[in-house]
Amino acid sequence: MTGFHLAQVNIGRIIAPLDGPELADFVAQLPEINELAERSPGFVWRMVDDEGEDATSFRPDENDDMLLINCSVWESVEALRNFTYHTGHLRVLSRRREWFHRVTEAHQALWWIPTGHRPSIAEAMERVARVREHGPGPLAFTFRDPYPAPAGAAQA
């Protein structure tokens, strides 16, 4: 175990307001999926709003009321990958086009953070922008192009 954890952010533009019938099934599944994440091996933290249930009240772009953000911290790329693609999360992920507009640019980023750090919305959005502008690299990458934790990391 290193002195670093993996932060992840993904953003998406919903097709209708969260309280509308188009998103009802998505919203209904949020508690289950968030609980699943929290119970998953390697989970560390997830961004939540003042109500403490999820991050759906956050708007990472003040000019876009339909843009949602999800940000969390994991022990490793493998732990996040296992949760994303090998649990009940995949069932919800496979339905994303029912609830979110199709993305045409980078909408996620992964990056290494010192153990104990909690990313802000601004930091997370900067990492998405970095992937959009420069492609994957050691400061912001994707599942497809992962980078190892920084060299010389202290052992925890």
N, C-alpha and C. Protein backbone atom coordinates (compact mmCIF):
# COMPACT_ATOMS: atom_id res chain seq x y z
N MET A 1 0.85 -1.18 0.00
CA MET A 1 0.00 0.00 0.00
C MET A 1 0.89 1.24 0.00
N THR A 2 0.60 2.17 -0.88
CA THR A 2 1.40 3.39 -0.98
C THR A 2 0.78 4.51 -0.15
N GLY A 3 1.43 5.65 -0.13
CA GLY A 3 0.90 6.84 0.53
C GLY A 3 -0.03 7.62 -0.39
N PHE A 4 -0.55 6.95 -1.41
CA PHE A 4 -1.46 7.58 -2.36
C PHE A 4 -2.72 6.75 -2.52
N HIS A 5 -3.80 7.45 -2.79
CA HIS A 5 -5.06 6.82 -3.17
C HIS A 5 -5.44 7.34 -4.54
N LEU A 6 -6.39 6.66 -5.15
CA LEU A 6 -6.86 7.03 -6.48
C LEU A 6 -8.16 7.83 -6.37
N ALA A 7 -8.16 9.02 -6.93
CA ALA A 7 -9.39 9.81 -7.03
C ALA A 7 -9.99 9.57 -8.40
N GLN A 8 -11.32 9.61 -8.46
CA GLN A 8 -12.00 9.49 -9.74
C GLN A 8 -13.11 10.52 -9.78
N VAL A 9 -13.34 11.04 -10.96
CA VAL A 9 -14.48 11.92 -11.21
C VAL A 9 -15.11 11.52 -12.53
N ASN A 10 -16.42 11.57 -12.57
CA ASN A 10 -17.11 11.48 -13.84
C ASN A 10 -18.26 12.47 -13.80
N ILE A 11 -18.50 13.07 -14.95
CA ILE A 11 -19.56 14.05 -15.07
C ILE A 11 -20.48 13.63 -16.20
N GLY A 12 -21.72 14.08 -16.12
CA GLY A 12 -22.67 13.75 -17.16
C GLY A 12 -23.82 14.73 -17.16
N ARG A 13 -24.36 14.95 -18.33
CA ARG A 13 -25.49 15.86 -18.51
C ARG A 13 -26.77 15.03 -18.56
N ILE A 14 -27.63 15.22 -17.57
CA ILE A 14 -28.88 14.47 -17.50
C ILE A 14 -29.86 14.96 -18.57
N ILE A 15 -30.75 14.06 -19.00
CA ILE A 15 -31.67 14.38 -20.10
C ILE A 15 -32.89 15.16 -19.63
N ALA A 16 -33.13 15.20 -18.32
CA ALA A 16 -34.29 15.88 -17.76
C ALA A 16 -33.97 16.23 -16.31
N PRO A 17 -34.78 17.05 -15.67
CA PRO A 17 -34.54 17.34 -14.26
C PRO A 17 -34.59 16.08 -13.40
N LEU A 18 -33.82 16.09 -12.32
CA LEU A 18 -33.74 14.93 -11.43
C LEU A 18 -35.09 14.54 -10.84
N ASP A 19 -35.97 15.50 -10.65
CA ASP A 19 -37.26 15.18 -10.05
C ASP A 19 -38.32 14.83 -11.09
N GLY A 20 -37.92 14.70 -12.35
CA GLY A 20 -38.86 14.35 -13.41
C GLY A 20 -38.99 12.85 -13.57
N PRO A 21 -40.04 12.41 -14.25
CA PRO A 21 -40.26 10.97 -14.44
C PRO A 21 -39.17 10.28 -15.26
N GLU A 22 -38.50 11.01 -16.14
CA GLU A 22 -37.45 10.42 -16.97
C GLU A 22 -36.28 9.91 -16.14
N LEU A 23 -36.03 10.52 -15.00
CA LEU A 23 -34.89 10.15 -14.15
C LEU A 23 -35.30 9.38 -12.90
N ALA A 24 -36.58 9.07 -12.75
CA ALA A 24 -37.07 8.43 -11.53
C ALA A 24 -36.35 7.12 -11.23
N ASP A 25 -36.15 6.29 -12.23
CA ASP A 25 -35.50 5.00 -11.99
C ASP A 25 -34.03 5.19 -11.60
N PHE A 26 -33.35 6.13 -12.24
CA PHE A 26 -31.96 6.43 -11.89
C PHE A 26 -31.87 6.90 -10.44
N VAL A 27 -32.70 7.87 -10.07
CA VAL A 27 -32.67 8.43 -8.72
C VAL A 27 -33.01 7.35 -7.69
N ALA A 28 -33.95 6.48 -8.01
CA ALA A 28 -34.34 5.42 -7.08
C ALA A 28 -33.20 4.46 -6.79
N GLN A 29 -32.29 4.29 -7.73
CA GLN A 29 -31.18 3.34 -7.55
C GLN A 29 -29.96 3.94 -6.87
N LEU A 30 -29.91 5.25 -6.73
CA LEU A 30 -28.74 5.89 -6.13
C LEU A 30 -28.40 5.36 -4.73
N PRO A 31 -29.35 5.25 -3.81
CA PRO A 31 -28.97 4.75 -2.47
C PRO A 31 -28.33 3.36 -2.52
N GLU A 32 -28.90 2.48 -3.31
CA GLU A 32 -28.36 1.12 -3.42
C GLU A 32 -26.95 1.12 -3.99
N ILE A 33 -26.72 1.88 -5.03
CA ILE A 33 -25.40 1.89 -5.68
C ILE A 33 -24.37 2.57 -4.77
N ASN A 34 -24.77 3.65 -4.09
CA ASN A 34 -23.85 4.30 -3.17
C ASN A 34 -23.48 3.39 -2.01
N GLU A 35 -24.45 2.65 -1.50
CA GLU A 35 -24.16 1.70 -0.42
C GLU A 35 -23.25 0.59 -0.92
N LEU A 36 -23.49 0.12 -2.13
CA LEU A 36 -22.64 -0.91 -2.73
C LEU A 36 -21.20 -0.41 -2.83
N ALA A 37 -21.03 0.83 -3.28
CA ALA A 37 -19.68 1.40 -3.36
C ALA A 37 -19.02 1.42 -1.99
N GLU A 38 -19.74 1.91 -1.01
CA GLU A 38 -19.16 2.03 0.33
C GLU A 38 -18.77 0.69 0.94
N ARG A 39 -19.44 -0.38 0.53
CA ARG A 39 -19.12 -1.72 1.03
C ARG A 39 -18.06 -2.42 0.19
N SER A 40 -17.70 -1.84 -0.92
CA SER A 40 -16.77 -2.50 -1.84
C SER A 40 -15.34 -2.45 -1.33
N PRO A 41 -14.59 -3.53 -1.54
CA PRO A 41 -13.18 -3.54 -1.15
C PRO A 41 -12.44 -2.39 -1.84
N GLY A 42 -11.65 -1.66 -1.08
CA GLY A 42 -10.84 -0.58 -1.63
C GLY A 42 -11.52 0.77 -1.65
N PHE A 43 -12.80 0.86 -1.27
CA PHE A 43 -13.48 2.15 -1.21
C PHE A 43 -12.92 2.96 -0.06
N VAL A 44 -12.74 4.28 -0.28
CA VAL A 44 -12.22 5.17 0.76
C VAL A 44 -13.22 6.27 1.10
N TRP A 45 -13.77 6.96 0.08
CA TRP A 45 -14.59 8.15 0.31
C TRP A 45 -15.38 8.47 -0.94
N ARG A 46 -16.53 9.14 -0.79
CA ARG A 46 -17.26 9.68 -1.93
C ARG A 46 -17.79 11.05 -1.59
N MET A 47 -17.85 11.89 -2.59
CA MET A 47 -18.35 13.25 -2.43
C MET A 47 -19.86 13.21 -2.19
N VAL A 48 -20.30 13.92 -1.15
CA VAL A 48 -21.73 14.05 -0.87
C VAL A 48 -22.06 15.50 -0.58
N ASP A 49 -23.32 15.85 -0.83
CA ASP A 49 -23.78 17.21 -0.56
C ASP A 49 -24.13 17.35 0.93
N ASP A 50 -24.71 18.46 1.30
CA ASP A 50 -25.01 18.73 2.71
C ASP A 50 -25.96 17.72 3.33
N GLU A 51 -26.83 17.11 2.51
CA GLU A 51 -27.74 16.09 3.03
C GLU A 51 -27.00 14.78 3.30
N GLY A 52 -25.82 14.61 2.72
CA GLY A 52 -24.98 13.45 2.98
C GLY A 52 -25.38 12.17 2.30
N GLU A 53 -26.30 12.24 1.34
CA GLU A 53 -26.74 11.03 0.65
C GLU A 53 -26.01 10.81 -0.66
N ASP A 54 -25.85 11.86 -1.44
CA ASP A 54 -25.18 11.77 -2.73
C ASP A 54 -24.73 13.17 -3.14
N ALA A 55 -24.27 13.30 -4.36
CA ALA A 55 -23.76 14.60 -4.83
C ALA A 55 -24.67 15.25 -5.87
N THR A 56 -25.94 14.81 -5.92
CA THR A 56 -26.81 15.27 -7.00
C THR A 56 -27.20 16.74 -6.89
N SER A 57 -27.02 17.37 -5.75
CA SER A 57 -27.35 18.80 -5.66
C SER A 57 -26.20 19.69 -6.13
N PHE A 58 -25.01 19.12 -6.29
CA PHE A 58 -23.88 19.90 -6.77
C PHE A 58 -24.01 20.17 -8.26
N ARG A 59 -23.63 21.35 -8.68
CA ARG A 59 -23.56 21.69 -10.09
C ARG A 59 -22.14 22.18 -10.37
N PRO A 60 -21.33 21.32 -10.99
CA PRO A 60 -19.93 21.67 -11.21
C PRO A 60 -19.73 22.80 -12.22
N ASP A 61 -20.76 23.11 -12.99
CA ASP A 61 -20.72 24.23 -13.93
C ASP A 61 -21.92 25.10 -13.63
N GLU A 62 -21.68 26.28 -13.07
CA GLU A 62 -22.78 27.15 -12.66
C GLU A 62 -23.68 27.57 -13.83
N ASN A 63 -23.22 27.38 -15.06
CA ASN A 63 -24.01 27.73 -16.23
C ASN A 63 -24.77 26.54 -16.80
N ASP A 64 -24.72 25.40 -16.13
CA ASP A 64 -25.35 24.18 -16.65
C ASP A 64 -26.04 23.43 -15.52
N ASP A 65 -27.34 23.64 -15.37
CA ASP A 65 -28.10 23.00 -14.30
C ASP A 65 -28.30 21.50 -14.50
N MET A 66 -27.94 20.99 -15.66
CA MET A 66 -28.16 19.58 -15.95
C MET A 66 -26.88 18.75 -15.84
N LEU A 67 -25.76 19.37 -15.49
CA LEU A 67 -24.50 18.66 -15.36
C LEU A 67 -24.34 18.14 -13.94
N LEU A 68 -24.17 16.83 -13.80
CA LEU A 68 -23.96 16.20 -12.50
C LEU A 68 -22.51 15.75 -12.38
N ILE A 69 -22.08 15.61 -11.15
CA ILE A 69 -20.72 15.15 -10.86
C ILE A 69 -20.76 13.99 -9.87
N ASN A 70 -19.86 13.07 -10.06
CA ASN A 70 -19.64 11.97 -9.12
C ASN A 70 -18.14 11.91 -8.89
N CYS A 71 -17.74 11.95 -7.64
CA CYS A 71 -16.32 11.93 -7.31
C CYS A 71 -16.13 11.01 -6.11
N SER A 72 -15.09 10.17 -6.18
CA SER A 72 -14.82 9.26 -5.08
C SER A 72 -13.32 8.97 -5.02
N VAL A 73 -12.93 8.30 -3.94
CA VAL A 73 -11.53 7.95 -3.70
C VAL A 73 -11.48 6.46 -3.39
N TRP A 74 -10.48 5.80 -3.98
CA TRP A 74 -10.30 4.36 -3.87
C TRP A 74 -8.84 4.05 -3.54
N GLU A 75 -8.59 2.85 -3.06
CA GLU A 75 -7.23 2.45 -2.74
C GLU A 75 -6.39 2.21 -3.98
N SER A 76 -7.03 1.83 -5.09
CA SER A 76 -6.27 1.48 -6.29
C SER A 76 -7.16 1.53 -7.52
N VAL A 77 -6.53 1.52 -8.68
CA VAL A 77 -7.26 1.43 -9.95
C VAL A 77 -8.04 0.11 -9.97
N GLU A 78 -7.43 -0.95 -9.51
CA GLU A 78 -8.07 -2.26 -9.53
C GLU A 78 -9.33 -2.27 -8.68
N ALA A 79 -9.30 -1.66 -7.51
CA ALA A 79 -10.48 -1.61 -6.64
C ALA A 79 -11.61 -0.86 -7.33
N LEU A 80 -11.29 0.28 -7.93
CA LEU A 80 -12.32 1.05 -8.64
C LEU A 80 -12.83 0.28 -9.85
N ARG A 81 -11.95 -0.33 -10.60
CA ARG A 81 -12.37 -1.10 -11.77
C ARG A 81 -13.29 -2.26 -11.36
N ASN A 82 -12.94 -2.95 -10.28
CA ASN A 82 -13.78 -4.05 -9.81
C ASN A 82 -15.18 -3.56 -9.44
N PHE A 83 -15.28 -2.44 -8.72
CA PHE A 83 -16.59 -1.90 -8.38
C PHE A 83 -17.35 -1.49 -9.65
N THR A 84 -16.69 -0.80 -10.54
CA THR A 84 -17.34 -0.25 -11.72
C THR A 84 -17.88 -1.33 -12.65
N TYR A 85 -17.07 -2.36 -12.88
CA TYR A 85 -17.40 -3.33 -13.92
C TYR A 85 -17.74 -4.74 -13.43
N HIS A 86 -17.61 -5.00 -12.13
CA HIS A 86 -17.82 -6.37 -11.63
C HIS A 86 -18.76 -6.44 -10.44
N THR A 87 -19.64 -5.45 -10.32
CA THR A 87 -20.66 -5.46 -9.27
C THR A 87 -21.98 -5.02 -9.90
N GLY A 88 -22.99 -4.86 -9.08
CA GLY A 88 -24.29 -4.37 -9.54
C GLY A 88 -24.22 -2.98 -10.14
N HIS A 89 -23.13 -2.26 -9.94
CA HIS A 89 -22.96 -0.95 -10.57
C HIS A 89 -23.02 -1.06 -12.09
N LEU A 90 -22.53 -2.15 -12.64
CA LEU A 90 -22.52 -2.33 -14.10
C LEU A 90 -23.94 -2.33 -14.67
N ARG A 91 -24.88 -2.88 -13.92
CA ARG A 91 -26.28 -2.88 -14.36
C ARG A 91 -26.78 -1.45 -14.57
N VAL A 92 -26.46 -0.57 -13.64
CA VAL A 92 -26.87 0.83 -13.76
C VAL A 92 -26.06 1.53 -14.84
N LEU A 93 -24.76 1.29 -14.86
CA LEU A 93 -23.90 1.90 -15.87
C LEU A 93 -24.36 1.55 -17.28
N SER A 94 -24.81 0.33 -17.49
CA SER A 94 -25.23 -0.08 -18.83
C SER A 94 -26.50 0.64 -19.28
N ARG A 95 -27.20 1.28 -18.37
CA ARG A 95 -28.42 2.03 -18.72
C ARG A 95 -28.19 3.53 -18.80
N ARG A 96 -26.95 3.98 -18.74
CA ARG A 96 -26.66 5.41 -18.65
C ARG A 96 -27.27 6.24 -19.78
N ARG A 97 -27.39 5.67 -20.96
CA ARG A 97 -27.94 6.46 -22.08
C ARG A 97 -29.43 6.73 -21.93
N GLU A 98 -30.08 6.02 -21.02
CA GLU A 98 -31.49 6.32 -20.73
C GLU A 98 -31.61 7.62 -19.95
N TRP A 99 -30.57 7.98 -19.21
CA TRP A 99 -30.65 9.10 -18.28
C TRP A 99 -29.70 10.25 -18.60
N PHE A 100 -28.65 9.97 -19.35
CA PHE A 100 -27.62 10.97 -19.64
C PHE A 100 -27.45 11.12 -21.14
N HIS A 101 -27.16 12.36 -21.55
CA HIS A 101 -26.84 12.59 -22.96
C HIS A 101 -25.54 11.87 -23.31
N ARG A 102 -25.45 11.44 -24.53
CA ARG A 102 -24.23 10.79 -25.01
C ARG A 102 -23.09 11.81 -24.94
N VAL A 103 -21.94 11.37 -24.47
CA VAL A 103 -20.80 12.27 -24.32
C VAL A 103 -19.98 12.30 -25.60
N THR A 104 -19.49 13.47 -25.92
CA THR A 104 -18.66 13.64 -27.11
C THR A 104 -17.24 14.06 -26.77
N GLU A 105 -16.98 14.26 -25.48
CA GLU A 105 -15.63 14.63 -25.02
C GLU A 105 -15.37 13.92 -23.70
N ALA A 106 -14.15 13.98 -23.25
CA ALA A 106 -13.79 13.30 -22.00
C ALA A 106 -14.75 13.72 -20.89
N HIS A 107 -15.21 12.75 -20.13
CA HIS A 107 -16.16 13.01 -19.05
C HIS A 107 -15.70 12.37 -17.73
N GLN A 108 -14.51 11.81 -17.74
CA GLN A 108 -13.99 11.22 -16.51
C GLN A 108 -12.49 11.44 -16.43
N ALA A 109 -12.01 11.34 -15.20
CA ALA A 109 -10.57 11.42 -14.97
C ALA A 109 -10.25 10.65 -13.69
N LEU A 110 -9.08 10.06 -13.68
CA LEU A 110 -8.52 9.40 -12.51
C LEU A 110 -7.20 10.10 -12.22
N TRP A 111 -6.84 10.21 -10.96
CA TRP A 111 -5.55 10.79 -10.60
C TRP A 111 -5.18 10.36 -9.18
N TRP A 112 -3.89 10.37 -8.93
CA TRP A 112 -3.38 9.97 -7.62
C TRP A 112 -3.36 11.15 -6.67
N ILE A 113 -3.79 10.92 -5.44
CA ILE A 113 -3.81 11.95 -4.41
C ILE A 113 -3.13 11.40 -3.16
N PRO A 114 -2.56 12.27 -2.34
CA PRO A 114 -1.99 11.78 -1.08
C PRO A 114 -3.09 11.18 -0.21
N THR A 115 -2.78 10.11 0.47
CA THR A 115 -3.73 9.48 1.38
C THR A 115 -4.27 10.55 2.33
N GLY A 116 -5.59 10.57 2.47
CA GLY A 116 -6.25 11.53 3.37
C GLY A 116 -6.78 12.75 2.67
N HIS A 117 -6.32 13.03 1.44
CA HIS A 117 -6.81 14.19 0.70
C HIS A 117 -8.21 13.90 0.16
N ARG A 118 -9.07 14.90 0.15
CA ARG A 118 -10.41 14.79 -0.43
C ARG A 118 -10.55 15.84 -1.52
N PRO A 119 -10.74 15.42 -2.75
CA PRO A 119 -10.81 16.38 -3.87
C PRO A 119 -12.03 17.30 -3.77
N SER A 120 -11.85 18.52 -4.22
CA SER A 120 -12.95 19.47 -4.33
C SER A 120 -13.58 19.35 -5.72
N ILE A 121 -14.72 19.97 -5.90
CA ILE A 121 -15.35 20.00 -7.22
C ILE A 121 -14.42 20.68 -8.22
N ALA A 122 -13.83 21.79 -7.82
CA ALA A 122 -12.93 22.53 -8.72
C ALA A 122 -11.74 21.66 -9.14
N GLU A 123 -11.16 20.96 -8.20
CA GLU A 123 -10.02 20.08 -8.51
C GLU A 123 -10.45 18.98 -9.47
N ALA A 124 -11.59 18.38 -9.20
CA ALA A 124 -12.08 17.30 -10.06
C ALA A 124 -12.35 17.80 -11.47
N MET A 125 -12.97 18.95 -11.59
CA MET A 125 -13.27 19.50 -12.92
C MET A 125 -11.99 19.87 -13.66
N GLU A 126 -10.97 20.31 -12.93
CA GLU A 126 -9.68 20.61 -13.55
C GLU A 126 -9.07 19.35 -14.14
N ARG A 127 -9.24 18.22 -13.48
CA ARG A 127 -8.68 16.97 -13.99
C ARG A 127 -9.42 16.51 -15.25
N VAL A 128 -10.73 16.69 -15.30
CA VAL A 128 -11.47 16.38 -16.52
C VAL A 128 -10.98 17.29 -17.65
N ALA A 129 -10.81 18.56 -17.36
CA ALA A 129 -10.32 19.51 -18.36
C ALA A 129 -8.93 19.11 -18.85
N ARG A 130 -8.10 18.63 -17.95
CA ARG A 130 -6.74 18.21 -18.33
C ARG A 130 -6.80 17.04 -19.32
N VAL A 131 -7.66 16.06 -19.05
CA VAL A 131 -7.78 14.94 -19.99
C VAL A 131 -8.32 15.44 -21.33
N ARG A 132 -9.29 16.35 -21.30
CA ARG A 132 -9.84 16.89 -22.54
C ARG A 132 -8.79 17.64 -23.35
N GLU A 133 -7.98 18.43 -22.69
CA GLU A 133 -7.03 19.30 -23.38
C GLU A 133 -5.73 18.62 -23.76
N HIS A 134 -5.27 17.68 -22.93
CA HIS A 134 -3.94 17.09 -23.13
C HIS A 134 -3.95 15.58 -23.32
N GLY A 135 -5.11 14.95 -23.14
CA GLY A 135 -5.15 13.50 -23.18
C GLY A 135 -4.66 12.93 -21.87
N PRO A 136 -4.75 11.61 -21.72
CA PRO A 136 -4.30 10.99 -20.48
C PRO A 136 -2.81 11.19 -20.23
N GLY A 137 -2.47 11.38 -18.98
CA GLY A 137 -1.08 11.53 -18.55
C GLY A 137 -1.00 11.26 -17.07
N PRO A 138 0.15 11.39 -16.47
CA PRO A 138 0.30 11.04 -15.05
C PRO A 138 -0.52 11.91 -14.11
N LEU A 139 -0.93 13.11 -14.54
CA LEU A 139 -1.70 13.99 -13.66
C LEU A 139 -3.21 13.80 -13.79
N ALA A 140 -3.65 13.14 -14.86
CA ALA A 140 -5.07 12.85 -15.08
C ALA A 140 -5.15 11.81 -16.19
N PHE A 141 -5.76 10.68 -15.89
CA PHE A 141 -5.78 9.58 -16.85
C PHE A 141 -7.13 8.90 -16.83
N THR A 142 -7.25 7.80 -17.55
CA THR A 142 -8.51 7.06 -17.66
C THR A 142 -8.25 5.58 -17.39
N PHE A 143 -9.34 4.81 -17.29
CA PHE A 143 -9.18 3.36 -17.15
C PHE A 143 -8.40 2.79 -18.33
N ARG A 144 -8.65 3.33 -19.51
CA ARG A 144 -8.01 2.81 -20.72
C ARG A 144 -6.51 3.07 -20.72
N ASP A 145 -6.08 4.17 -20.10
CA ASP A 145 -4.66 4.55 -20.07
C ASP A 145 -4.23 4.87 -18.64
N PRO A 146 -4.21 3.87 -17.76
CA PRO A 146 -3.87 4.15 -16.36
C PRO A 146 -2.38 4.44 -16.16
N TYR A 147 -2.10 5.18 -15.12
CA TYR A 147 -0.73 5.47 -14.72
C TYR A 147 -0.53 4.97 -13.30
N PRO A 148 0.68 4.52 -12.97
CA PRO A 148 0.93 4.03 -11.61
C PRO A 148 0.99 5.19 -10.62
N ALA A 149 0.85 4.86 -9.36
CA ALA A 149 1.02 5.85 -8.30
C ALA A 149 2.42 6.45 -8.42
N PRO A 150 2.61 7.68 -7.97
CA PRO A 150 3.91 8.32 -8.08
C PRO A 150 5.05 7.47 -7.52
N ALA A 151 6.17 7.50 -8.17
CA ALA A 151 7.36 6.75 -7.72
C ALA A 151 7.84 7.30 -6.40
N GLY A 152 8.41 6.42 -5.61
CA GLY A 152 8.97 6.85 -4.33
C GLY A 152 7.91 7.12 -3.28
N ALA A 153 6.69 6.65 -3.54
CA ALA A 153 5.62 6.88 -2.57
C ALA A 153 5.95 6.18 -1.25
N ALA A 154 5.69 6.86 -0.18
CA ALA A 154 5.95 6.27 1.14
C ALA A 154 5.00 5.11 1.36
N GLN A 155 5.47 4.11 2.03
CA GLN A 155 4.63 2.97 2.37
C GLN A 155 3.73 3.33 3.55
N ALA A 156 2.46 2.97 3.43
CA ALA A 156 1.51 3.27 4.51
C ALA A 156 1.55 2.19 5.56
